Protein backbone atom coordinates (compact mmCIF):
# COMPACT_ATOMS: atom_id res chain seq x y z
CA MET A 1 16.26 -21.69 3.14
CA PHE A 2 12.73 -22.49 4.37
CA ASP A 3 9.77 -21.99 2.18
CA ILE A 4 8.00 -20.61 5.27
CA ILE A 5 9.81 -18.15 7.24
CA LYS A 6 8.61 -17.32 10.78
CA HIS A 7 11.16 -14.81 12.21
CA TYR A 8 12.16 -11.44 10.67
CA ASP A 9 12.79 -7.89 11.64
CA LYS A 10 9.95 -5.42 11.34
CA VAL A 11 9.33 -1.50 11.62
CA SER A 12 8.59 -0.81 15.32
CA PRO A 13 4.98 -0.30 16.09
CA GLU A 14 5.67 3.03 17.62
CA LEU A 15 7.15 4.06 14.18
CA VAL A 16 4.34 2.39 12.34
CA ALA A 17 1.77 4.47 14.41
CA LYS A 18 3.64 7.71 13.44
CA PHE A 19 3.23 7.00 9.84
CA ALA A 20 -0.31 6.00 10.23
CA GLU A 21 -0.92 9.75 10.96
CA PHE A 22 0.16 10.95 7.48
CA GLU A 23 -2.49 11.95 5.19
CA GLU A 24 -1.30 10.99 1.86
CA SER A 25 0.77 7.95 0.18
CA ALA A 26 2.00 10.56 -2.30
CA SER A 27 4.00 12.11 0.43
CA LEU A 28 6.00 8.93 1.18
CA HIS A 29 6.45 8.56 -2.52
CA GLU A 30 7.69 11.89 -3.17
CA CYS A 31 10.27 11.58 0.21
CA MET A 32 11.57 8.42 -1.34
CA GLY A 33 12.90 10.15 -4.62
CA ARG A 34 9.55 9.18 -6.17
CA LYS A 35 10.10 5.36 -5.69
CA ASN A 36 8.31 2.38 -4.29
CA ALA A 37 4.91 3.24 -5.46
CA PHE A 38 2.42 0.56 -6.99
CA GLY A 39 1.56 3.27 -9.79
CA GLY A 40 -2.20 2.82 -9.66
CA LYS A 41 -2.11 -0.82 -10.74
CA VAL A 42 -3.85 -1.92 -7.38
CA HIS A 43 -6.93 -0.31 -6.11
CA PRO A 44 -9.13 -0.35 -2.85
CA VAL A 45 -12.09 -2.56 -3.28
CA TRP A 46 -14.26 0.39 -2.05
CA PRO A 47 -13.21 4.05 -1.82
CA GLY A 48 -11.61 5.71 1.16
CA SER A 49 -9.72 2.60 2.40
CA LYS A 50 -6.54 3.20 4.42
CA VAL A 51 -4.05 0.79 5.87
CA CYS A 52 -0.64 1.35 7.60
CA GLY A 53 1.40 -1.71 8.87
CA THR A 54 4.09 -3.97 8.46
CA ALA A 55 4.53 -6.44 5.43
CA PHE A 56 3.71 -10.19 5.69
CA THR A 57 4.63 -11.40 2.36
CA VAL A 58 3.32 -14.41 0.39
CA GLU A 59 3.88 -15.76 -3.08
CA ALA A 60 0.97 -17.79 -4.43
CA ARG A 61 0.87 -19.83 -7.58
CA PRO A 62 -1.66 -18.03 -10.03
CA GLY A 63 -4.86 -20.26 -9.68
CA ASP A 64 -4.19 -21.59 -6.31
CA ASN A 65 -4.58 -20.19 -2.86
CA VAL A 66 -3.81 -23.13 -0.30
CA ILE A 67 -0.69 -21.33 0.72
CA LEU A 68 -2.71 -18.26 1.77
CA HIS A 69 -4.78 -20.24 4.09
CA LYS A 70 -1.40 -21.33 5.86
CA ALA A 71 -0.30 -17.66 6.06
CA ILE A 72 -3.54 -16.68 7.74
CA SER A 73 -2.90 -19.00 10.51
CA MET A 74 0.60 -17.44 10.86
CA LEU A 75 -0.61 -13.57 10.83
CA LYS A 76 0.16 -11.32 14.03
CA PRO A 77 -1.45 -8.05 14.94
CA GLY A 78 -0.23 -5.15 12.83
CA ASP A 79 0.47 -7.29 9.72
CA VAL A 80 -0.35 -6.18 6.15
CA LEU A 81 -0.81 -9.37 3.96
CA MET A 82 1.06 -8.71 0.66
CA VAL A 83 -0.02 -11.38 -1.73
CA ALA A 84 2.14 -11.54 -4.87
CA TYR A 85 0.10 -13.42 -7.46
CA SER A 86 2.12 -12.62 -10.42
CA GLY A 87 -0.48 -10.05 -11.50
CA ASP A 88 -2.82 -12.95 -12.60
CA THR A 89 -6.36 -11.57 -12.02
CA ARG A 90 -8.28 -14.59 -13.37
CA THR A 91 -9.08 -16.09 -9.91
CA GLY A 92 -10.82 -13.87 -7.67
CA GLY A 93 -11.39 -16.83 -5.39
CA MET A 94 -7.86 -16.50 -4.42
CA TRP A 95 -9.08 -14.17 -1.59
CA GLY A 96 -12.58 -13.81 -0.15
CA GLY A 97 -14.77 -13.11 2.77
CA MET A 98 -14.27 -16.10 4.96
CA MET A 99 -10.58 -15.22 4.60
CA SER A 100 -10.97 -11.74 5.30
CA ALA A 101 -12.79 -12.56 8.51
CA SER A 102 -10.05 -14.97 9.60
CA ALA A 103 -7.09 -12.53 8.92
CA LYS A 104 -9.00 -9.85 10.59
CA ALA A 105 -9.52 -12.13 13.63
CA GLN A 106 -5.83 -12.77 13.68
CA GLY A 107 -5.10 -9.08 14.13
CA CYS A 108 -4.27 -8.38 10.24
CA LEU A 109 -4.89 -4.83 9.29
CA GLY A 110 -5.64 -5.48 5.49
CA LEU A 111 -4.72 -7.19 2.28
CA ILE A 112 -2.79 -5.95 -0.79
CA THR A 113 -2.36 -8.24 -3.69
CA ASP A 114 -1.72 -7.82 -7.71
CA GLY A 115 -4.35 -10.64 -8.09
CA ALA A 116 -8.01 -10.54 -7.90
CA VAL A 117 -10.43 -10.86 -4.95
CA ARG A 118 -14.10 -11.52 -4.55
CA ASP A 119 -16.84 -11.21 -1.92
CA THR A 120 -16.19 -7.41 -1.75
CA MET A 121 -19.43 -6.33 0.04
CA LEU A 122 -18.44 -8.78 2.92
CA MET A 123 -15.07 -7.11 3.29
CA LYS A 124 -16.76 -3.77 3.60
CA GLU A 125 -19.04 -5.07 6.16
CA LEU A 126 -16.03 -6.40 8.20
CA ASP A 127 -14.23 -3.19 7.68
CA PHE A 128 -11.15 -5.46 6.36
CA PRO A 129 -9.33 -3.06 4.00
CA VAL A 130 -8.41 -4.95 0.79
CA PHE A 131 -6.47 -3.54 -2.42
CA SER A 132 -6.34 -5.57 -5.61
CA ALA A 133 -5.94 -5.51 -9.27
CA ALA A 134 -9.21 -6.94 -9.96
CA VAL A 135 -12.48 -8.30 -8.70
CA ASN A 136 -14.14 -11.44 -9.94
CA VAL A 137 -15.83 -14.61 -8.79
CA CYS A 138 -13.83 -17.30 -10.62
CA GLY A 139 -12.33 -20.11 -8.03
CA THR A 140 -9.00 -21.61 -7.25
CA THR A 141 -7.45 -24.92 -6.74
CA LYS A 142 -5.79 -25.91 -3.43
CA ALA A 143 -2.81 -27.85 -4.52
CA PHE A 144 0.30 -26.25 -5.29
CA PRO A 145 3.10 -24.75 -2.99
CA GLY A 146 4.25 -21.13 -2.48
CA THR A 147 6.38 -19.08 -0.14
CA ILE A 148 5.83 -17.21 3.06
CA ASN A 149 7.84 -14.17 4.17
CA HIS A 150 10.58 -14.01 1.45
CA PRO A 151 11.07 -11.10 -0.71
CA VAL A 152 8.36 -10.57 -3.34
CA VAL A 153 7.92 -8.35 -6.41
CA MET A 154 4.45 -6.78 -6.63
CA CYS A 155 3.73 -4.11 -9.43
CA GLY A 156 7.56 -3.75 -9.95
CA VAL A 157 8.29 -3.03 -6.24
CA THR A 158 10.26 -5.24 -4.25
CA VAL A 159 8.60 -5.90 -0.85
CA HIS A 160 10.53 -7.68 2.04
CA PRO A 161 8.80 -9.00 5.10
CA GLY A 162 8.84 -6.21 7.96
CA ASP A 163 8.82 -3.31 5.54
CA LEU A 164 6.32 -0.44 6.03
CA VAL A 165 3.29 -0.56 3.99
CA PHE A 166 0.90 2.50 3.47
CA ALA A 167 -1.84 2.19 1.12
CA ASP A 168 -4.88 4.77 0.87
CA ASN A 169 -7.58 5.70 -1.70
CA ASP A 170 -4.66 7.03 -4.13
CA ASP A 171 -2.12 4.01 -4.27
CA VAL A 172 0.06 1.62 -2.43
CA VAL A 173 3.55 2.67 -1.16
CA VAL A 174 6.40 0.36 0.60
CA VAL A 175 9.06 1.89 2.87
CA PRO A 176 11.96 -0.34 3.24
CA LYS A 177 12.49 -1.04 6.91
CA GLU A 178 16.14 0.07 6.88
CA ILE A 179 15.27 3.51 5.76
CA ALA A 180 11.86 3.99 7.64
CA GLN A 181 13.04 6.45 10.15
CA GLU A 182 14.57 8.81 7.54
CA VAL A 183 11.48 8.48 5.35
CA TYR A 184 9.28 9.32 8.31
CA ASP A 185 11.40 12.52 9.03
CA LYS A 186 11.19 13.59 5.63
CA THR A 187 7.54 13.05 5.28
CA TYR A 188 6.67 14.77 8.47
CA ALA A 189 8.58 18.04 7.26
CA ARG A 190 6.81 17.71 3.86
CA GLU A 191 3.23 17.43 5.40
CA LYS A 192 3.69 20.18 7.68
CA LYS A 193 4.93 22.35 4.87
CA GLU A 194 1.82 21.60 2.84
CA GLU A 195 -0.48 22.23 6.02
CA ILE A 196 0.99 25.82 5.95
CA LEU A 197 0.48 26.04 2.02
CA LEU A 198 -3.12 24.73 2.11
CA LYS A 199 -3.96 27.50 4.96
CA ARG A 200 -2.48 30.33 2.54
CA ILE A 201 -4.39 29.11 -0.40
CA LEU A 202 -7.76 28.90 1.53
CA ASN A 203 -6.98 32.60 2.85
CA HIS A 204 -6.75 33.70 -0.53
CA GLU A 205 -3.09 34.66 -0.38
CA GLY A 206 -2.39 33.10 -3.83
CA THR A 207 -2.40 29.93 -5.71
CA THR A 208 0.18 27.15 -6.14
CA TYR A 209 1.58 29.05 -9.04
CA ASP A 210 3.08 31.97 -7.05
CA LEU A 211 3.23 30.58 -3.66
CA SER A 212 5.23 27.70 -4.70
CA GLY A 213 7.47 29.54 -6.95
CA PHE A 214 6.19 27.94 -10.13
CA ASN A 215 5.99 31.43 -11.58
CA LYS A 216 9.79 31.73 -11.45
CA ILE A 217 10.23 28.47 -13.41
CA VAL A 218 7.58 29.61 -16.08
CA GLU A 219 9.43 32.83 -16.52
CA THR A 220 12.43 30.79 -17.69
CA LEU A 221 10.54 29.16 -20.44
CA ASP A 222 10.29 32.10 -22.76
CA LEU A 223 6.69 31.74 -23.26
CA THR A 224 4.63 34.35 -25.13
CA GLU A 225 1.60 35.49 -23.41
CA GLU A 226 -1.48 37.36 -24.59
CA PRO A 227 -1.75 40.92 -22.58
CA ASP A 228 -4.46 41.49 -20.11
């Protein structure tokens, strides 16, 4: 097995575009049996960020980022760079502004890492979405090997190259490429249902308590309630 893999299957661009229309990462998480979310361990470097694309995976040695510069040279349009850094947040210089500019020029849609980053204002100026576990300015070495496009584990979630990645202001969710169509179909149905619920709530037809049937669940709990 090569350390650096160049050829792998991806979720199709057409299906990625459909996923990108979804409003919330939570919907994907719920429709996968509440799996494959990073659980709030990674955050956008500025509020309101969103990215949807296919995973380009990198595993780097904590404190070193030379493998990331190699990865940037290999990026293709539609890739989301997924950098596993063993959860080490001591070196924000692992990823910075010039690297963001280089990645964006290659057509990369964004970066997600369980490590730290820096130069966040330039990232914002570049409109390059970045999600990280921390932000700091500490630098890195450029001396140690890593791997490119092997399966990685980030925040307890296994990410394979070519998987669908959906990240927004709330969380990061990874959809395995083998079940992407199935998850899309379930998520589409869920979001359409929630659109109808939202309209009913805004029309003062009720609250989530009665419109979603939670009142029937509460009735089974034998709670005592003060009279009106």
